[in-house]
Amino acid sequence: DLLFSVMAKRSVECNGMVFCTTISACAKVGEWENALQPLSVMAQRKYKPNPIAFNSAISACEKGRAWEVALELFAEMAQRKVELNTITFSAAISSCEKSSKWEEALHLFSVMEESQLELD
């Protein structure tokens, strides 16, 4: 939140690219909890959620072995009608797999098959 506050004070426009980059940067250094902050800021500022931001946050949760949070984000995407794509499913499935939650992973895989997405 500090980054976004500083940007606002300096009249630097915050756009979707900034949010996605921030989420990805947090994910790369293993800060999954901090990767969720930009999603909250996006919601507060009424930015339209996008698959890239959510996918990056789910990947951050995967790296942090926060499979439950990853599945919450997945559900939020569906609820907010944000496009679920193969990257979304892959990140959520991988998050479950890395935490030995194979039943959840198999369930997501079957949901993906039912959605008729092209499998990679």
PDB file of N, CA and C in Angstrom:
ATOM      1  N   ASP A   1       0.830  -1.189   0.000  1.00  0.00           N
ATOM      2  CA  ASP A   1       0.000   0.000   0.000  1.00  0.00           C
ATOM      3  C   ASP A   1       0.872   1.249   0.000  1.00  0.00           C
ATOM      4  N   LEU A   2       2.054   1.158   0.566  1.00  0.00           N
ATOM      5  CA  LEU A   2       2.972   2.289   0.610  1.00  0.00           C
ATOM      6  C   LEU A   2       3.324   2.760  -0.795  1.00  0.00           C
ATOM      7  N   LEU A   3       3.626   1.812  -1.682  1.00  0.00           N
ATOM      8  CA  LEU A   3       3.968   2.159  -3.058  1.00  0.00           C
ATOM      9  C   LEU A   3       2.857   2.969  -3.709  1.00  0.00           C
ATOM     10  N   PHE A   4       1.633   2.529  -3.553  1.00  0.00           N
ATOM     11  CA  PHE A   4       0.510   3.202  -4.197  1.00  0.00           C
ATOM     12  C   PHE A   4       0.230   4.558  -3.569  1.00  0.00           C
ATOM     13  N   SER A   5       0.483   4.693  -2.267  1.00  0.00           N
ATOM     14  CA  SER A   5       0.331   5.984  -1.589  1.00  0.00           C
ATOM     15  C   SER A   5       1.362   6.982  -2.102  1.00  0.00           C
ATOM     16  N   VAL A   6       2.595   6.541  -2.230  1.00  0.00           N
ATOM     17  CA  VAL A   6       3.665   7.411  -2.732  1.00  0.00           C
ATOM     18  C   VAL A   6       3.354   7.834  -4.168  1.00  0.00           C
ATOM     19  N   MET A   7       2.895   6.892  -4.968  1.00  0.00           N
ATOM     20  CA  MET A   7       2.561   7.216  -6.350  1.00  0.00           C
ATOM     21  C   MET A   7       1.457   8.272  -6.407  1.00  0.00           C
ATOM     22  N   ALA A   8       0.447   8.135  -5.568  1.00  0.00           N
ATOM     23  CA  ALA A   8      -0.655   9.097  -5.552  1.00  0.00           C
ATOM     24  C   ALA A   8      -0.168  10.483  -5.121  1.00  0.00           C
ATOM     25  N   LYS A   9       0.691  10.536  -4.096  1.00  0.00           N
ATOM     26  CA  LYS A   9       1.224  11.820  -3.619  1.00  0.00           C
ATOM     27  C   LYS A   9       2.043  12.523  -4.691  1.00  0.00           C
ATOM     28  N   ARG A  10       2.699  11.742  -5.521  1.00  0.00           N
ATOM     29  CA  ARG A  10       3.541  12.319  -6.580  1.00  0.00           C
ATOM     30  C   ARG A  10       2.808  12.442  -7.907  1.00  0.00           C
ATOM     31  N   SER A  11       1.506  12.229  -7.863  1.00  0.00           N
ATOM     32  CA  SER A  11       0.652  12.334  -9.054  1.00  0.00           C
ATOM     33  C   SER A  11       1.073  11.400 -10.183  1.00  0.00           C
ATOM     34  N   VAL A  12       1.582  10.246  -9.805  1.00  0.00           N
ATOM     35  CA  VAL A  12       1.924   9.225 -10.790  1.00  0.00           C
ATOM     36  C   VAL A  12       0.691   8.359 -10.990  1.00  0.00           C
ATOM     37  N   GLU A  13       0.269   8.239 -12.236  1.00  0.00           N
ATOM     38  CA  GLU A  13      -0.933   7.460 -12.517  1.00  0.00           C
ATOM     39  C   GLU A  13      -0.673   5.974 -12.326  1.00  0.00           C
ATOM     40  N   CYS A  14      -1.602   5.352 -11.677  1.00  0.00           N
ATOM     41  CA  CYS A  14      -1.514   3.917 -11.427  1.00  0.00           C
ATOM     42  C   CYS A  14      -2.460   3.224 -12.400  1.00  0.00           C
ATOM     43  N   ASN A  15      -1.921   2.315 -13.203  1.00  0.00           N
ATOM     44  CA  ASN A  15      -2.762   1.615 -14.163  1.00  0.00           C
ATOM     45  C   ASN A  15      -2.636   0.107 -13.968  1.00  0.00           C
ATOM     46  N   GLY A  16      -3.326  -0.635 -14.799  1.00  0.00           N
ATOM     47  CA  GLY A  16      -3.313  -2.086 -14.680  1.00  0.00           C
ATOM     48  C   GLY A  16      -1.923  -2.678 -14.780  1.00  0.00           C
ATOM     49  N   MET A  17      -1.081  -2.100 -15.619  1.00  0.00           N
ATOM     50  CA  MET A  17       0.289  -2.590 -15.779  1.00  0.00           C
ATOM     51  C   MET A  17       1.071  -2.465 -14.466  1.00  0.00           C
ATOM     52  N   VAL A  18       0.886  -1.358 -13.770  1.00  0.00           N
ATOM     53  CA  VAL A  18       1.578  -1.149 -12.490  1.00  0.00           C
ATOM     54  C   VAL A  18       1.120  -2.190 -11.474  1.00  0.00           C
ATOM     55  N   PHE A  19      -0.178  -2.417 -11.405  1.00  0.00           N
ATOM     56  CA  PHE A  19      -0.702  -3.404 -10.460  1.00  0.00           C
ATOM     57  C   PHE A  19      -0.154  -4.798 -10.771  1.00  0.00           C
ATOM     58  N   CYS A  20      -0.212  -5.189 -12.032  1.00  0.00           N
ATOM     59  CA  CYS A  20       0.244  -6.530 -12.422  1.00  0.00           C
ATOM     60  C   CYS A  20       1.742  -6.707 -12.187  1.00  0.00           C
ATOM     61  N   THR A  21       2.508  -5.684 -12.489  1.00  0.00           N
ATOM     62  CA  THR A  21       3.958  -5.740 -12.286  1.00  0.00           C
ATOM     63  C   THR A  21       4.284  -5.866 -10.806  1.00  0.00           C
ATOM     64  N   THR A  22       3.554  -5.131  -9.982  1.00  0.00           N
ATOM     65  CA  THR A  22       3.775  -5.193  -8.530  1.00  0.00           C
ATOM     66  C   THR A  22       3.456  -6.586  -7.993  1.00  0.00           C
ATOM     67  N   ILE A  23       2.354  -7.152  -8.443  1.00  0.00           N
ATOM     68  CA  ILE A  23       1.975  -8.502  -8.009  1.00  0.00           C
ATOM     69  C   ILE A  23       3.041  -9.505  -8.431  1.00  0.00           C
ATOM     70  N   SER A  24       3.487  -9.419  -9.674  1.00  0.00           N
ATOM     71  CA  SER A  24       4.512 -10.344 -10.184  1.00  0.00           C
ATOM     72  C   SER A  24       5.822 -10.205  -9.428  1.00  0.00           C
ATOM     73  N   ALA A  25       6.212  -8.972  -9.123  1.00  0.00           N
ATOM     74  CA  ALA A  25       7.462  -8.744  -8.386  1.00  0.00           C
ATOM     75  C   ALA A  25       7.382  -9.375  -6.994  1.00  0.00           C
ATOM     76  N   CYS A  26       6.257  -9.202  -6.334  1.00  0.00           N
ATOM     77  CA  CYS A  26       6.074  -9.812  -5.008  1.00  0.00           C
ATOM     78  C   CYS A  26       6.127 -11.334  -5.114  1.00  0.00           C
ATOM     79  N   ALA A  27       5.512 -11.877  -6.141  1.00  0.00           N
ATOM     80  CA  ALA A  27       5.503 -13.333  -6.334  1.00  0.00           C
ATOM     81  C   ALA A  27       6.921 -13.859  -6.514  1.00  0.00           C
ATOM     82  N   LYS A  28       7.724 -13.145  -7.297  1.00  0.00           N
ATOM     83  CA  LYS A  28       9.081 -13.617  -7.582  1.00  0.00           C
ATOM     84  C   LYS A  28       9.974 -13.670  -6.354  1.00  0.00           C
ATOM     85  N   VAL A  29       9.700 -12.817  -5.375  1.00  0.00           N
ATOM     86  CA  VAL A  29      10.521 -12.832  -4.161  1.00  0.00           C
ATOM     87  C   VAL A  29       9.847 -13.574  -3.012  1.00  0.00           C
ATOM     88  N   GLY A  30       8.761 -14.291  -3.330  1.00  0.00           N
ATOM     89  CA  GLY A  30       8.109 -15.132  -2.329  1.00  0.00           C
ATOM     90  C   GLY A  30       7.226 -14.397  -1.342  1.00  0.00           C
ATOM     91  N   GLU A  31       6.802 -13.206  -1.689  1.00  0.00           N
ATOM     92  CA  GLU A  31       5.947 -12.412  -0.800  1.00  0.00           C
ATOM     93  C   GLU A  31       4.483 -12.508  -1.229  1.00  0.00           C
ATOM     94  N   TRP A  32       3.910 -13.704  -1.066  1.00  0.00           N
ATOM     95  CA  TRP A  32       2.552 -13.919  -1.557  1.00  0.00           C
ATOM     96  C   TRP A  32       1.537 -13.021  -0.860  1.00  0.00           C
ATOM     97  N   GLU A  33       1.731 -12.753   0.428  1.00  0.00           N
ATOM     98  CA  GLU A  33       0.773 -11.907   1.146  1.00  0.00           C
ATOM     99  C   GLU A  33       0.786 -10.479   0.596  1.00  0.00           C
ATOM    100  N   ASN A  34       1.990  -9.971   0.302  1.00  0.00           N
ATOM    101  CA  ASN A  34       2.096  -8.629  -0.277  1.00  0.00           C
ATOM    102  C   ASN A  34       1.577  -8.600  -1.708  1.00  0.00           C
ATOM    103  N   ALA A  35       1.615  -9.723  -2.385  1.00  0.00           N
ATOM    104  CA  ALA A  35       1.105  -9.790  -3.757  1.00  0.00           C
ATOM    105  C   ALA A  35      -0.410  -9.590  -3.795  1.00  0.00           C
ATOM    106  N   LEU A  36      -1.081  -9.807  -2.684  1.00  0.00           N
ATOM    107  CA  LEU A  36      -2.534  -9.642  -2.636  1.00  0.00           C
ATOM    108  C   LEU A  36      -2.955  -8.185  -2.472  1.00  0.00           C
ATOM    109  N   GLN A  37      -2.059  -7.364  -1.936  1.00  0.00           N
ATOM    110  CA  GLN A  37      -2.398  -5.960  -1.685  1.00  0.00           C
ATOM    111  C   GLN A  37      -2.840  -5.210  -2.935  1.00  0.00           C
ATOM    112  N   PRO A  38      -2.112  -5.338  -4.050  1.00  0.00           N
ATOM    113  CA  PRO A  38      -2.568  -4.607  -5.240  1.00  0.00           C
ATOM    114  C   PRO A  38      -3.986  -4.977  -5.683  1.00  0.00           C
ATOM    115  N   LEU A  39      -4.385  -6.228  -5.472  1.00  0.00           N
ATOM    116  CA  LEU A  39      -5.766  -6.606  -5.811  1.00  0.00           C
ATOM    117  C   LEU A  39      -6.759  -5.828  -4.956  1.00  0.00           C
ATOM    118  N   SER A  40      -6.429  -5.650  -3.683  1.00  0.00           N
ATOM    119  CA  SER A  40      -7.302  -4.877  -2.788  1.00  0.00           C
ATOM    120  C   SER A  40      -7.358  -3.418  -3.214  1.00  0.00           C
ATOM    121  N   VAL A  41      -6.195  -2.864  -3.561  1.00  0.00           N
ATOM    122  CA  VAL A  41      -6.150  -1.472  -4.005  1.00  0.00           C
ATOM    123  C   VAL A  41      -6.944  -1.303  -5.297  1.00  0.00           C
ATOM    124  N   MET A  42      -6.824  -2.272  -6.195  1.00  0.00           N
ATOM    125  CA  MET A  42      -7.593  -2.219  -7.444  1.00  0.00           C
ATOM    126  C   MET A  42      -9.089  -2.171  -7.141  1.00  0.00           C
ATOM    127  N   ALA A  43      -9.531  -2.994  -6.216  1.00  0.00           N
ATOM    128  CA  ALA A  43     -10.953  -3.030  -5.857  1.00  0.00           C
ATOM    129  C   ALA A  43     -11.388  -1.711  -5.213  1.00  0.00           C
ATOM    130  N   GLN A  44     -10.556  -1.186  -4.315  1.00  0.00           N
ATOM    131  CA  GLN A  44     -10.875   0.083  -3.647  1.00  0.00           C
ATOM    132  C   GLN A  44     -10.998   1.223  -4.642  1.00  0.00           C
ATOM    133  N   ARG A  45     -10.150   1.204  -5.654  1.00  0.00           N
ATOM    134  CA  ARG A  45     -10.128   2.292  -6.644  1.00  0.00           C
ATOM    135  C   ARG A  45     -11.032   2.008  -7.844  1.00  0.00           C
ATOM    136  N   LYS A  46     -11.815   0.954  -7.728  1.00  0.00           N
ATOM    137  CA  LYS A  46     -12.793   0.597  -8.756  1.00  0.00           C
ATOM    138  C   LYS A  46     -12.170   0.266 -10.113  1.00  0.00           C
ATOM    139  N   TYR A  47     -10.944  -0.260 -10.103  1.00  0.00           N
ATOM    140  CA  TYR A  47     -10.338  -0.743 -11.342  1.00  0.00           C
ATOM    141  C   TYR A  47     -10.986  -2.058 -11.713  1.00  0.00           C
ATOM    142  N   LYS A  48     -11.187  -2.256 -12.988  1.00  0.00           N
ATOM    143  CA  LYS A  48     -11.761  -3.508 -13.455  1.00  0.00           C
ATOM    144  C   LYS A  48     -10.722  -4.612 -13.260  1.00  0.00           C
ATOM    145  N   PRO A  49     -11.099  -5.696 -12.580  1.00  0.00           N
ATOM    146  CA  PRO A  49     -10.137  -6.790 -12.375  1.00  0.00           C
ATOM    147  C   PRO A  49      -9.813  -7.459 -13.704  1.00  0.00           C
ATOM    148  N   ASN A  50      -8.603  -7.957 -13.818  1.00  0.00           N
ATOM    149  CA  ASN A  50      -8.227  -8.628 -15.057  1.00  0.00           C
ATOM    150  C   ASN A  50      -7.545  -9.956 -14.754  1.00  0.00           C
ATOM    151  N   PRO A  51      -7.563 -10.860 -15.724  1.00  0.00           N
ATOM    152  CA  PRO A  51      -6.994 -12.192 -15.503  1.00  0.00           C
ATOM    153  C   PRO A  51      -5.502 -12.166 -15.177  1.00  0.00           C
ATOM    154  N   ILE A  52      -4.771 -11.235 -15.759  1.00  0.00           N
ATOM    155  CA  ILE A  52      -3.320 -11.193 -15.524  1.00  0.00           C
ATOM    156  C   ILE A  52      -3.025 -10.917 -14.050  1.00  0.00           C
ATOM    157  N   ALA A  53      -3.718  -9.955 -13.472  1.00  0.00           N
ATOM    158  CA  ALA A  53      -3.507  -9.631 -12.056  1.00  0.00           C
ATOM    159  C   ALA A  53      -3.859 -10.820 -11.168  1.00  0.00           C
ATOM    160  N   PHE A  54      -5.014 -11.424 -11.415  1.00  0.00           N
ATOM    161  CA  PHE A  54      -5.424 -12.569 -10.611  1.00  0.00           C
ATOM    162  C   PHE A  54      -4.499 -13.765 -10.815  1.00  0.00           C
ATOM    163  N   ASN A  55      -4.124 -14.037 -12.054  1.00  0.00           N
ATOM    164  CA  ASN A  55      -3.228 -15.168 -12.316  1.00  0.00           C
ATOM    165  C   ASN A  55      -1.890 -14.987 -11.613  1.00  0.00           C
ATOM    166  N   SER A  56      -1.379 -13.765 -11.621  1.00  0.00           N
ATOM    167  CA  SER A  56      -0.119 -13.481 -10.930  1.00  0.00           C
ATOM    168  C   SER A  56      -0.259 -13.692  -9.431  1.00  0.00           C
ATOM    169  N   ALA A  57      -1.392 -13.274  -8.881  1.00  0.00           N
ATOM    170  CA  ALA A  57      -1.622 -13.458  -7.441  1.00  0.00           C
ATOM    171  C   ALA A  57      -1.776 -14.940  -7.091  1.00  0.00           C
ATOM    172  N   ILE A  58      -2.458 -15.692  -7.938  1.00  0.00           N
ATOM    173  CA  ILE A  58      -2.593 -17.138  -7.699  1.00  0.00           C
ATOM    174  C   ILE A  58      -1.228 -17.808  -7.777  1.00  0.00           C
ATOM    175  N   SER A  59      -0.402 -17.392  -8.721  1.00  0.00           N
ATOM    176  CA  SER A  59       0.959 -17.937  -8.826  1.00  0.00           C
ATOM    177  C   SER A  59       1.790 -17.597  -7.591  1.00  0.00           C
ATOM    178  N   ALA A  60       1.591 -16.399  -7.059  1.00  0.00           N
ATOM    179  CA  ALA A  60       2.296 -16.012  -5.831  1.00  0.00           C
ATOM    180  C   ALA A  60       1.877 -16.927  -4.680  1.00  0.00           C
ATOM    181  N   CYS A  61       0.588 -17.224  -4.605  1.00  0.00           N
ATOM    182  CA  CYS A  61       0.093 -18.130  -3.563  1.00  0.00           C
ATOM    183  C   CYS A  61       0.669 -19.527  -3.754  1.00  0.00           C
ATOM    184  N   GLU A  62       0.800 -19.943  -4.995  1.00  0.00           N
ATOM    185  CA  GLU A  62       1.408 -21.247  -5.291  1.00  0.00           C
ATOM    186  C   GLU A  62       2.823 -21.311  -4.712  1.00  0.00           C
ATOM    187  N   LYS A  63       3.607 -20.271  -4.973  1.00  0.00           N
ATOM    188  CA  LYS A  63       4.987 -20.244  -4.485  1.00  0.00           C
ATOM    189  C   LYS A  63       5.052 -20.222  -2.960  1.00  0.00           C
ATOM    190  N   GLY A  64       4.048 -19.594  -2.342  1.00  0.00           N
ATOM    191  CA  GLY A  64       4.002 -19.520  -0.885  1.00  0.00           C
ATOM    192  C   GLY A  64       3.259 -20.677  -0.242  1.00  0.00           C
ATOM    193  N   ARG A  65       2.854 -21.654  -1.054  1.00  0.00           N
ATOM    194  CA  ARG A  65       2.101 -22.817  -0.585  1.00  0.00           C
ATOM    195  C   ARG A  65       0.821 -22.417   0.157  1.00  0.00           C
ATOM    196  N   ALA A  66       0.204 -21.353  -0.344  1.00  0.00           N
ATOM    197  CA  ALA A  66      -1.052 -20.862   0.226  1.00  0.00           C
ATOM    198  C   ALA A  66      -2.198 -21.293  -0.693  1.00  0.00           C
ATOM    199  N   TRP A  67      -2.390 -22.605  -0.771  1.00  0.00           N
ATOM    200  CA  TRP A  67      -3.363 -23.162  -1.710  1.00  0.00           C
ATOM    201  C   TRP A  67      -4.788 -22.693  -1.429  1.00  0.00           C
ATOM    202  N   GLU A  68      -5.133 -22.525  -0.154  1.00  0.00           N
ATOM    203  CA  GLU A  68      -6.495 -22.095   0.179  1.00  0.00           C
ATOM    204  C   GLU A  68      -6.770 -20.689  -0.347  1.00  0.00           C
ATOM    205  N   VAL A  69      -5.789 -19.815  -0.212  1.00  0.00           N
ATOM    206  CA  VAL A  69      -5.938 -18.449  -0.718  1.00  0.00           C
ATOM    207  C   VAL A  69      -6.008 -18.468  -2.242  1.00  0.00           C
ATOM    208  N   ALA A  70      -5.198 -19.315  -2.863  1.00  0.00           N
ATOM    209  CA  ALA A  70      -5.225 -19.448  -4.322  1.00  0.00           C
ATOM    210  C   ALA A  70      -6.627 -19.852  -4.791  1.00  0.00           C
ATOM    211  N   LEU A  71      -7.246 -20.789  -4.086  1.00  0.00           N
ATOM    212  CA  LEU A  71      -8.594 -21.221  -4.464  1.00  0.00           C
ATOM    213  C   LEU A  71      -9.635 -20.136  -4.185  1.00  0.00           C
ATOM    214  N   GLU A  72      -9.414 -19.333  -3.147  1.00  0.00           N
ATOM    215  CA  GLU A  72     -10.313 -18.206  -2.884  1.00  0.00           C
ATOM    216  C   GLU A  72     -10.238 -17.192  -4.025  1.00  0.00           C
ATOM    217  N   LEU A  73      -9.022 -16.927  -4.502  1.00  0.00           N
ATOM    218  CA  LEU A  73      -8.855 -16.003  -5.629  1.00  0.00           C
ATOM    219  C   LEU A  73      -9.512 -16.563  -6.888  1.00  0.00           C
ATOM    220  N   PHE A  74      -9.339 -17.872  -7.103  1.00  0.00           N
ATOM    221  CA  PHE A  74      -9.969 -18.548  -8.238  1.00  0.00           C
ATOM    222  C   PHE A  74     -11.485 -18.366  -8.181  1.00  0.00           C
ATOM    223  N   ALA A  75     -12.066 -18.592  -7.012  1.00  0.00           N
ATOM    224  CA  ALA A  75     -13.513 -18.442  -6.830  1.00  0.00           C
ATOM    225  C   ALA A  75     -13.944 -16.990  -7.020  1.00  0.00           C
ATOM    226  N   GLU A  76     -13.126 -16.066  -6.538  1.00  0.00           N
ATOM    227  CA  GLU A  76     -13.442 -14.648  -6.702  1.00  0.00           C
ATOM    228  C   GLU A  76     -13.458 -14.260  -8.178  1.00  0.00           C
ATOM    229  N   MET A  77     -12.529 -14.821  -8.935  1.00  0.00           N
ATOM    230  CA  MET A  77     -12.519 -14.548 -10.381  1.00  0.00           C
ATOM    231  C   MET A  77     -13.830 -14.979 -11.013  1.00  0.00           C
ATOM    232  N   ALA A  78     -14.263 -16.166 -10.683  1.00  0.00           N
ATOM    233  CA  ALA A  78     -15.519 -16.677 -11.246  1.00  0.00           C
ATOM    234  C   ALA A  78     -16.697 -15.808 -10.805  1.00  0.00           C
ATOM    235  N   GLN A  79     -16.701 -15.438  -9.546  1.00  0.00           N
ATOM    236  CA  GLN A  79     -17.789 -14.625  -9.002  1.00  0.00           C
ATOM    237  C   GLN A  79     -17.846 -13.254  -9.673  1.00  0.00           C
ATOM    238  N   ARG A  80     -16.664 -12.662  -9.918  1.00  0.00           N
ATOM    239  CA  ARG A  80     -16.605 -11.323 -10.522  1.00  0.00           C
ATOM    240  C   ARG A  80     -16.596 -11.373 -12.051  1.00  0.00           C
ATOM    241  N   LYS A  81     -16.762 -12.571 -12.572  1.00  0.00           N
ATOM    242  CA  LYS A  81     -16.822 -12.791 -14.018  1.00  0.00           C
ATOM    243  C   LYS A  81     -15.542 -12.349 -14.740  1.00  0.00           C
ATOM    244  N   VAL A  82     -14.415 -12.626 -14.081  1.00  0.00           N
ATOM    245  CA  VAL A  82     -13.113 -12.408 -14.704  1.00  0.00           C
ATOM    246  C   VAL A  82     -12.776 -13.686 -15.456  1.00  0.00           C
ATOM    247  N   GLU A  83     -12.280 -13.562 -16.657  1.00  0.00           N
ATOM    248  CA  GLU A  83     -12.001 -14.724 -17.505  1.00  0.00           C
ATOM    249  C   GLU A  83     -11.070 -15.726 -16.824  1.00  0.00           C
ATOM    250  N   LEU A  84     -11.533 -16.963 -16.739  1.00  0.00           N
ATOM    251  CA  LEU A  84     -10.702 -18.068 -16.266  1.00  0.00           C
ATOM    252  C   LEU A  84     -10.068 -18.701 -17.500  1.00  0.00           C
ATOM    253  N   ASN A  85      -8.756 -18.728 -17.559  1.00  0.00           N
ATOM    254  CA  ASN A  85      -8.084 -19.287 -18.729  1.00  0.00           C
ATOM    255  C   ASN A  85      -7.160 -20.429 -18.299  1.00  0.00           C
ATOM    256  N   THR A  86      -6.444 -20.980 -19.237  1.00  0.00           N
ATOM    257  CA  THR A  86      -5.580 -22.124 -18.905  1.00  0.00           C
ATOM    258  C   THR A  86      -4.504 -21.735 -17.897  1.00  0.00           C
ATOM    259  N   ILE A  87      -4.046 -20.497 -17.938  1.00  0.00           N
ATOM    260  CA  ILE A  87      -3.039 -20.050 -16.963  1.00  0.00           C
ATOM    261  C   ILE A  87      -3.648 -20.045 -15.568  1.00  0.00           C
ATOM    262  N   THR A  88      -4.888 -19.588 -15.469  1.00  0.00           N
ATOM    263  CA  THR A  88      -5.585 -19.568 -14.176  1.00  0.00           C
ATOM    264  C   THR A  88      -5.692 -20.977 -13.603  1.00  0.00           C
ATOM    265  N   PHE A  89      -6.188 -21.895 -14.422  1.00  0.00           N
ATOM    266  CA  PHE A  89      -6.358 -23.278 -13.962  1.00  0.00           C
ATOM    267  C   PHE A  89      -5.008 -23.906 -13.622  1.00  0.00           C
ATOM    268  N   SER A  90      -4.013 -23.683 -14.459  1.00  0.00           N
ATOM    269  CA  SER A  90      -2.693 -24.280 -14.225  1.00  0.00           C
ATOM    270  C   SER A  90      -2.093 -23.794 -12.911  1.00  0.00           C
ATOM    271  N   ALA A  91      -2.193 -22.487 -12.654  1.00  0.00           N
ATOM    272  CA  ALA A  91      -1.647 -21.935 -11.413  1.00  0.00           C
ATOM    273  C   ALA A  91      -2.393 -22.475 -10.191  1.00  0.00           C
ATOM    274  N   ALA A  92      -3.720 -22.549 -10.282  1.00  0.00           N
ATOM    275  CA  ALA A  92      -4.514 -23.060  -9.149  1.00  0.00           C
ATOM    276  C   ALA A  92      -4.235 -24.546  -8.915  1.00  0.00           C
ATOM    277  N   ILE A  93      -4.162 -25.310  -9.998  1.00  0.00           N
ATOM    278  CA  ILE A  93      -3.871 -26.751  -9.873  1.00  0.00           C
ATOM    279  C   ILE A  93      -2.480 -26.953  -9.289  1.00  0.00           C
ATOM    280  N   SER A  94      -1.514 -26.203  -9.773  1.00  0.00           N
ATOM    281  CA  SER A  94      -0.142 -26.314  -9.274  1.00  0.00           C
ATOM    282  C   SER A  94      -0.060 -25.933  -7.800  1.00  0.00           C
ATOM    283  N   SER A  95      -0.844 -24.929  -7.403  1.00  0.00           N
ATOM    284  CA  SER A  95      -0.875 -24.526  -5.999  1.00  0.00           C
ATOM    285  C   SER A  95      -1.351 -25.678  -5.116  1.00  0.00           C
ATOM    286  N   CYS A  96      -2.391 -26.360  -5.572  1.00  0.00           N
ATOM    287  CA  CYS A  96      -2.904 -27.518  -4.820  1.00  0.00           C
ATOM    288  C   CYS A  96      -1.880 -28.647  -4.810  1.00  0.00           C
ATOM    289  N   GLU A  97      -1.287 -28.905  -5.951  1.00  0.00           N
ATOM    290  CA  GLU A  97      -0.305 -29.996  -6.072  1.00  0.00           C
ATOM    291  C   GLU A  97       0.893 -29.768  -5.150  1.00  0.00           C
ATOM    292  N   LYS A  98       1.384 -28.537  -5.092  1.00  0.00           N
ATOM    293  CA  LYS A  98       2.564 -28.246  -4.263  1.00  0.00           C
ATOM    294  C   LYS A  98       2.264 -28.377  -2.776  1.00  0.00           C
ATOM    295  N   SER A  99       0.998 -28.307  -2.425  1.00  0.00           N
ATOM    296  CA  SER A  99       0.593 -28.468  -1.025  1.00  0.00           C
ATOM    297  C   SER A  99       0.005 -29.845  -0.767  1.00  0.00           C
ATOM    298  N   SER A 100       0.224 -30.772  -1.705  1.00  0.00           N
ATOM    299  CA  SER A 100      -0.269 -32.155  -1.591  1.00  0.00           C
ATOM    300  C   SER A 100      -1.779 -32.239  -1.453  1.00  0.00           C
ATOM    301  N   LYS A 101      -2.478 -31.330  -2.084  1.00  0.00           N
ATOM    302  CA  LYS A 101      -3.948 -31.333  -2.080  1.00  0.00           C
ATOM    303  C   LYS A 101      -4.419 -31.876  -3.426  1.00  0.00           C
ATOM    304  N   TRP A 102      -4.142 -33.164  -3.647  1.00  0.00           N
ATOM    305  CA  TRP A 102      -4.387 -33.777  -4.952  1.00  0.00           C
ATOM    306  C   TRP A 102      -5.868 -33.856  -5.305  1.00  0.00           C
ATOM    307  N   GLU A 103      -6.734 -34.034  -4.291  1.00  0.00           N
ATOM    308  CA  GLU A 103      -8.169 -34.113  -4.583  1.00  0.00           C
ATOM    309  C   GLU A 103      -8.682 -32.790  -5.152  1.00  0.00           C
ATOM    310  N   GLU A 104      -8.225 -31.670  -4.557  1.00  0.00           N
ATOM    311  CA  GLU A 104      -8.611 -30.354  -5.048  1.00  0.00           C
ATOM    312  C   GLU A 104      -8.054 -30.126  -6.451  1.00  0.00           C
ATOM    313  N   ALA A 105      -6.810 -30.567  -6.663  1.00  0.00           N
ATOM    314  CA  ALA A 105      -6.183 -30.425  -7.978  1.00  0.00           C
ATOM    315  C   ALA A 105      -6.970 -31.194  -9.044  1.00  0.00           C
ATOM    316  N   LEU A 106      -7.359 -32.430  -8.722  1.00  0.00           N
ATOM    317  CA  LEU A 106      -8.140 -33.226  -9.667  1.00  0.00           C
ATOM    318  C   LEU A 106      -9.506 -32.602  -9.942  1.00  0.00           C
ATOM    319  N   HIS A 107     -10.105 -32.030  -8.906  1.00  0.00           N
ATOM    320  CA  HIS A 107     -11.389 -31.363  -9.087  1.00  0.00           C
ATOM    321  C   HIS A 107     -11.246 -30.181 -10.058  1.00  0.00           C
ATOM    322  N   LEU A 108     -10.214 -29.365  -9.855  1.00  0.00           N
ATOM    323  CA  LEU A 108      -9.982 -28.230 -10.750  1.00  0.00           C
ATOM    324  C   LEU A 108      -9.739 -28.703 -12.182  1.00  0.00           C
ATOM    325  N   PHE A 109      -8.999 -29.794 -12.317  1.00  0.00           N
ATOM    326  CA  PHE A 109      -8.734 -30.333 -13.648  1.00  0.00           C
ATOM    327  C   PHE A 109     -10.034 -30.744 -14.327  1.00  0.00           C
ATOM    328  N   SER A 110     -10.936 -31.369 -13.575  1.00  0.00           N
ATOM    329  CA  SER A 110     -12.217 -31.777 -14.175  1.00  0.00           C
ATOM    330  C   SER A 110     -13.069 -30.559 -14.527  1.00  0.00           C
ATOM    331  N   VAL A 111     -13.031 -29.529 -13.698  1.00  0.00           N
ATOM    332  CA  VAL A 111     -13.754 -28.290 -14.008  1.00  0.00           C
ATOM    333  C   VAL A 111     -13.189 -27.666 -15.281  1.00  0.00           C
ATOM    334  N   MET A 112     -11.874 -27.703 -15.423  1.00  0.00           N
ATOM    335  CA  MET A 112     -11.239 -27.155 -16.618  1.00  0.00           C
ATOM    336  C   MET A 112     -11.671 -27.929 -17.858  1.00  0.00           C
ATOM    337  N   GLU A 113     -11.705 -29.248 -17.744  1.00  0.00           N
ATOM    338  CA  GLU A 113     -12.154 -30.068 -18.886  1.00  0.00           C
ATOM    339  C   GLU A 113     -13.605 -29.748 -19.244  1.00  0.00           C
ATOM    340  N   GLU A 114     -14.459 -29.585 -18.221  1.00  0.00           N
ATOM    341  CA  GLU A 114     -15.863 -29.268 -18.459  1.00  0.00           C
ATOM    342  C   GLU A 114     -16.047 -27.907 -19.117  1.00  0.00           C
ATOM    343  N   SER A 115     -15.139 -26.982 -18.820  1.00  0.00           N
ATOM    344  CA  SER A 115     -15.247 -25.641 -19.389  1.00  0.00           C
ATOM    345  C   SER A 115     -14.792 -25.597 -20.837  1.00  0.00           C
ATOM    346  N   GLN A 116     -14.255 -26.710 -21.321  1.00  0.00           N
ATOM    347  CA  GLN A 116     -13.824 -26.877 -22.708  1.00  0.00           C
ATOM    348  C   GLN A 116     -12.715 -25.908 -23.106  1.00  0.00           C
ATOM    349  N   LEU A 117     -11.890 -25.538 -22.128  1.00  0.00           N
ATOM    350  CA  LEU A 117     -10.699 -24.758 -22.453  1.00  0.00           C
ATOM    351  C   LEU A 117      -9.721 -25.648 -23.175  1.00  0.00           C
ATOM    352  N   GLU A 118      -8.923 -25.057 -24.016  1.00  0.00           N
ATOM    353  CA  GLU A 118      -7.901 -25.822 -24.701  1.00  0.00           C
ATOM    354  C   GLU A 118      -6.801 -26.170 -23.712  1.00  0.00           C
ATOM    355  N   LEU A 119      -6.520 -27.454 -23.549  1.00  0.00           N
ATOM    356  CA  LEU A 119      -5.518 -27.898 -22.590  1.00  0.00           C
ATOM    357  C   LEU A 119      -4.129 -27.749 -23.167  1.00  0.00           C
ATOM    358  N   ASP A 120      -3.228 -27.178 -22.341  1.00  0.00           N
ATOM    359  CA  ASP A 120      -1.829 -27.025 -22.758  1.00  0.00           C
ATOM    360  C   ASP A 120      -1.021 -28.239 -22.396  1.00  0.00           C
TER     361      ASP A 120
END
